[in-house]
Amino acid sequence: MDNVVRLYLEHLSNPELAFAIVRRTASSAAAQMVASYCQQQSNWAGAIEFLLMGKRGEVCCIRCRTLGVQGGGLCMWCVSR
């Protein structure tokens, strides 16, 4: 499914469908792709959501906190940990 997500993001311009696939499958690699896409689009909440879904441990939390600050708010997912 990772390649399907990549197609929706990079070639078909349908990120909403890519997001839905990642939420349904919980693929770590696809979640990281979507998180990168969200960062490029300045979608900070989406970037944080998919970084956490990508299960990258402490590195994820550091990046989420940075994105929360960049996005003008706190990372509610990391704060609750």
N, C-alpha and C. Protein backbone atom coordinates (compact mmCIF):
# COMPACT_ATOMS: atom_id res chain seq x y z
N MET A 1 0.81 -1.21 0.00
CA MET A 1 0.00 0.00 0.00
C MET A 1 0.85 1.26 0.00
N ASP A 2 2.12 1.13 0.39
CA ASP A 2 2.99 2.30 0.43
C ASP A 2 3.11 2.95 -0.94
N ASN A 3 3.21 2.13 -1.97
CA ASN A 3 3.33 2.68 -3.33
C ASN A 3 2.03 3.34 -3.79
N VAL A 4 0.91 2.83 -3.33
CA VAL A 4 -0.38 3.45 -3.67
C VAL A 4 -0.46 4.83 -3.03
N VAL A 5 -0.02 4.93 -1.79
CA VAL A 5 -0.01 6.22 -1.10
C VAL A 5 0.90 7.20 -1.85
N ARG A 6 2.07 6.73 -2.25
CA ARG A 6 3.00 7.58 -3.00
C ARG A 6 2.35 8.08 -4.30
N LEU A 7 1.63 7.20 -5.00
CA LEU A 7 0.94 7.60 -6.23
C LEU A 7 -0.08 8.71 -5.97
N TYR A 8 -0.89 8.52 -4.93
CA TYR A 8 -1.90 9.54 -4.62
C TYR A 8 -1.27 10.87 -4.24
N LEU A 9 -0.15 10.84 -3.56
CA LEU A 9 0.50 12.09 -3.16
C LEU A 9 1.25 12.76 -4.30
N GLU A 10 2.03 11.99 -5.04
CA GLU A 10 2.96 12.57 -6.01
C GLU A 10 2.42 12.71 -7.43
N HIS A 11 1.50 11.84 -7.81
CA HIS A 11 1.08 11.85 -9.22
C HIS A 11 -0.39 12.14 -9.44
N LEU A 12 -1.23 11.78 -8.49
CA LEU A 12 -2.67 11.95 -8.70
C LEU A 12 -3.26 13.14 -7.95
N SER A 13 -2.44 13.83 -7.17
CA SER A 13 -2.88 15.02 -6.42
C SER A 13 -4.15 14.76 -5.62
N ASN A 14 -4.14 13.64 -4.91
CA ASN A 14 -5.30 13.30 -4.09
C ASN A 14 -4.82 12.92 -2.68
N PRO A 15 -4.33 13.91 -1.92
CA PRO A 15 -3.78 13.59 -0.60
C PRO A 15 -4.83 13.05 0.38
N GLU A 16 -6.08 13.47 0.24
CA GLU A 16 -7.10 13.01 1.17
C GLU A 16 -7.25 11.49 1.12
N LEU A 17 -7.18 10.94 -0.08
CA LEU A 17 -7.28 9.49 -0.23
C LEU A 17 -6.03 8.80 0.35
N ALA A 18 -4.87 9.42 0.14
CA ALA A 18 -3.64 8.89 0.73
C ALA A 18 -3.74 8.89 2.25
N PHE A 19 -4.27 9.97 2.83
CA PHE A 19 -4.43 10.05 4.28
C PHE A 19 -5.35 8.93 4.78
N ALA A 20 -6.44 8.72 4.06
CA ALA A 20 -7.40 7.69 4.47
C ALA A 20 -6.77 6.30 4.44
N ILE A 21 -5.98 6.03 3.43
CA ILE A 21 -5.31 4.72 3.33
C ILE A 21 -4.36 4.52 4.49
N VAL A 22 -3.59 5.55 4.81
CA VAL A 22 -2.63 5.43 5.91
C VAL A 22 -3.36 5.24 7.23
N ARG A 23 -4.43 5.98 7.43
CA ARG A 23 -5.20 5.82 8.68
C ARG A 23 -5.77 4.41 8.80
N ARG A 24 -6.19 3.84 7.68
CA ARG A 24 -6.79 2.50 7.69
C ARG A 24 -5.73 1.41 7.86
N THR A 25 -4.59 1.57 7.18
CA THR A 25 -3.58 0.50 7.19
C THR A 25 -2.54 0.66 8.29
N ALA A 26 -2.35 1.89 8.77
CA ALA A 26 -1.35 2.21 9.80
C ALA A 26 0.07 1.80 9.37
N SER A 27 0.37 1.92 8.09
CA SER A 27 1.71 1.63 7.58
C SER A 27 2.68 2.71 8.05
N SER A 28 3.74 2.28 8.69
CA SER A 28 4.73 3.22 9.22
C SER A 28 5.42 3.99 8.09
N ALA A 29 5.83 3.30 7.06
CA ALA A 29 6.52 3.96 5.94
C ALA A 29 5.60 4.94 5.22
N ALA A 30 4.37 4.55 4.99
CA ALA A 30 3.41 5.43 4.32
C ALA A 30 3.08 6.64 5.20
N ALA A 31 2.99 6.42 6.50
CA ALA A 31 2.71 7.52 7.43
C ALA A 31 3.84 8.55 7.38
N GLN A 32 5.07 8.09 7.26
CA GLN A 32 6.20 9.01 7.16
C GLN A 32 6.16 9.80 5.86
N MET A 33 5.74 9.15 4.77
CA MET A 33 5.60 9.86 3.49
C MET A 33 4.54 10.96 3.61
N VAL A 34 3.41 10.61 4.22
CA VAL A 34 2.33 11.57 4.37
C VAL A 34 2.75 12.71 5.30
N ALA A 35 3.48 12.39 6.36
CA ALA A 35 3.96 13.42 7.27
C ALA A 35 4.85 14.42 6.54
N SER A 36 5.72 13.92 5.68
CA SER A 36 6.59 14.81 4.88
C SER A 36 5.77 15.68 3.95
N TYR A 37 4.77 15.08 3.32
CA TYR A 37 3.89 15.83 2.43
C TYR A 37 3.19 16.94 3.22
N CYS A 38 2.67 16.61 4.39
CA CYS A 38 1.98 17.60 5.21
C CYS A 38 2.90 18.74 5.61
N GLN A 39 4.15 18.43 5.95
CA GLN A 39 5.11 19.47 6.29
C GLN A 39 5.32 20.41 5.10
N GLN A 40 5.45 19.86 3.91
CA GLN A 40 5.66 20.69 2.72
C GLN A 40 4.46 21.61 2.47
N GLN A 41 3.28 21.16 2.87
CA GLN A 41 2.06 21.94 2.67
C GLN A 41 1.73 22.84 3.86
N SER A 42 2.61 22.86 4.85
CA SER A 42 2.40 23.62 6.11
C SER A 42 1.15 23.15 6.85
N ASN A 43 0.84 21.88 6.71
CA ASN A 43 -0.27 21.26 7.44
C ASN A 43 0.33 20.64 8.70
N TRP A 44 0.50 21.47 9.73
CA TRP A 44 1.23 21.04 10.92
C TRP A 44 0.49 19.96 11.70
N ALA A 45 -0.82 20.09 11.81
CA ALA A 45 -1.59 19.06 12.54
C ALA A 45 -1.48 17.71 11.83
N GLY A 46 -1.57 17.72 10.51
CA GLY A 46 -1.43 16.48 9.75
C GLY A 46 -0.04 15.90 9.87
N ALA A 47 0.97 16.77 9.81
CA ALA A 47 2.35 16.30 9.94
C ALA A 47 2.56 15.62 11.28
N ILE A 48 2.05 16.22 12.33
CA ILE A 48 2.19 15.64 13.67
C ILE A 48 1.45 14.32 13.77
N GLU A 49 0.22 14.30 13.28
CA GLU A 49 -0.58 13.07 13.33
C GLU A 49 0.16 11.91 12.66
N PHE A 50 0.67 12.14 11.46
CA PHE A 50 1.29 11.05 10.71
C PHE A 50 2.71 10.73 11.19
N LEU A 51 3.39 11.71 11.75
CA LEU A 51 4.69 11.39 12.38
C LEU A 51 4.47 10.41 13.53
N LEU A 52 3.47 10.68 14.33
CA LEU A 52 3.18 9.78 15.45
C LEU A 52 2.73 8.42 14.96
N MET A 53 1.95 8.41 13.89
CA MET A 53 1.51 7.14 13.34
C MET A 53 2.69 6.35 12.78
N GLY A 54 3.74 7.08 12.33
CA GLY A 54 4.93 6.45 11.80
C GLY A 54 5.78 5.77 12.86
N LYS A 55 5.44 5.97 14.12
CA LYS A 55 6.08 5.28 15.25
C LYS A 55 7.60 5.38 15.23
N ARG A 56 8.09 6.60 15.22
CA ARG A 56 9.54 6.79 15.21
C ARG A 56 10.08 7.12 16.60
N GLY A 57 9.33 6.84 17.63
CA GLY A 57 9.82 6.98 19.00
C GLY A 57 10.20 8.40 19.38
N GLU A 58 11.32 8.54 20.06
CA GLU A 58 11.74 9.83 20.59
C GLU A 58 12.02 10.85 19.49
N VAL A 59 12.58 10.40 18.37
CA VAL A 59 12.82 11.32 17.25
C VAL A 59 11.51 11.93 16.81
N CYS A 60 10.46 11.14 16.79
CA CYS A 60 9.14 11.62 16.41
C CYS A 60 8.69 12.72 17.35
N CYS A 61 8.83 12.51 18.64
CA CYS A 61 8.37 13.51 19.61
C CYS A 61 9.13 14.82 19.47
N ILE A 62 10.42 14.75 19.23
CA ILE A 62 11.21 15.97 19.04
C ILE A 62 10.71 16.72 17.81
N ARG A 63 10.50 16.00 16.72
CA ARG A 63 10.01 16.64 15.49
C ARG A 63 8.60 17.19 15.69
N CYS A 64 7.76 16.47 16.40
CA CYS A 64 6.39 16.93 16.64
C CYS A 64 6.38 18.21 17.47
N ARG A 65 7.22 18.27 18.48
CA ARG A 65 7.28 19.48 19.30
C ARG A 65 7.72 20.67 18.44
N THR A 66 8.71 20.45 17.59
CA THR A 66 9.17 21.52 16.69
C THR A 66 8.05 21.96 15.76
N LEU A 67 7.33 21.01 15.19
CA LEU A 67 6.23 21.35 14.29
C LEU A 67 5.12 22.07 15.03
N GLY A 68 4.86 21.66 16.26
CA GLY A 68 3.84 22.34 17.06
C GLY A 68 4.18 23.80 17.26
N VAL A 69 5.44 24.08 17.53
CA VAL A 69 5.88 25.45 17.71
C VAL A 69 5.81 26.21 16.38
N GLN A 70 6.27 25.59 15.30
CA GLN A 70 6.22 26.23 13.98
C GLN A 70 4.78 26.52 13.57
N GLY A 71 3.88 25.62 13.92
CA GLY A 71 2.49 25.77 13.53
C GLY A 71 1.71 26.73 14.41
N GLY A 72 2.38 27.31 15.39
CA GLY A 72 1.72 28.30 16.24
C GLY A 72 0.96 27.70 17.40
N GLY A 73 1.22 26.45 17.73
CA GLY A 73 0.51 25.83 18.84
C GLY A 73 1.35 24.76 19.48
N LEU A 74 0.77 24.09 20.41
CA LEU A 74 1.47 22.98 21.07
C LEU A 74 1.07 21.68 20.42
N CYS A 75 1.97 20.74 20.48
CA CYS A 75 1.67 19.40 19.99
C CYS A 75 0.88 18.67 21.06
N MET A 76 -0.42 18.58 20.88
CA MET A 76 -1.25 17.97 21.92
C MET A 76 -0.96 16.49 22.10
N TRP A 77 -0.49 15.82 21.06
CA TRP A 77 -0.19 14.41 21.19
C TRP A 77 1.04 14.18 22.06
N CYS A 78 2.06 15.00 21.85
CA CYS A 78 3.29 14.85 22.64
C CYS A 78 3.10 15.34 24.07
N VAL A 79 2.32 16.39 24.25
CA VAL A 79 2.08 16.92 25.59
C VAL A 79 1.37 15.88 26.45
N SER A 80 0.52 15.09 25.83
CA SER A 80 -0.26 14.10 26.58
C SER A 80 0.55 12.86 26.93
N ARG A 81 1.75 12.74 26.41
CA ARG A 81 2.58 11.55 26.67
C ARG A 81 3.21 11.63 28.01
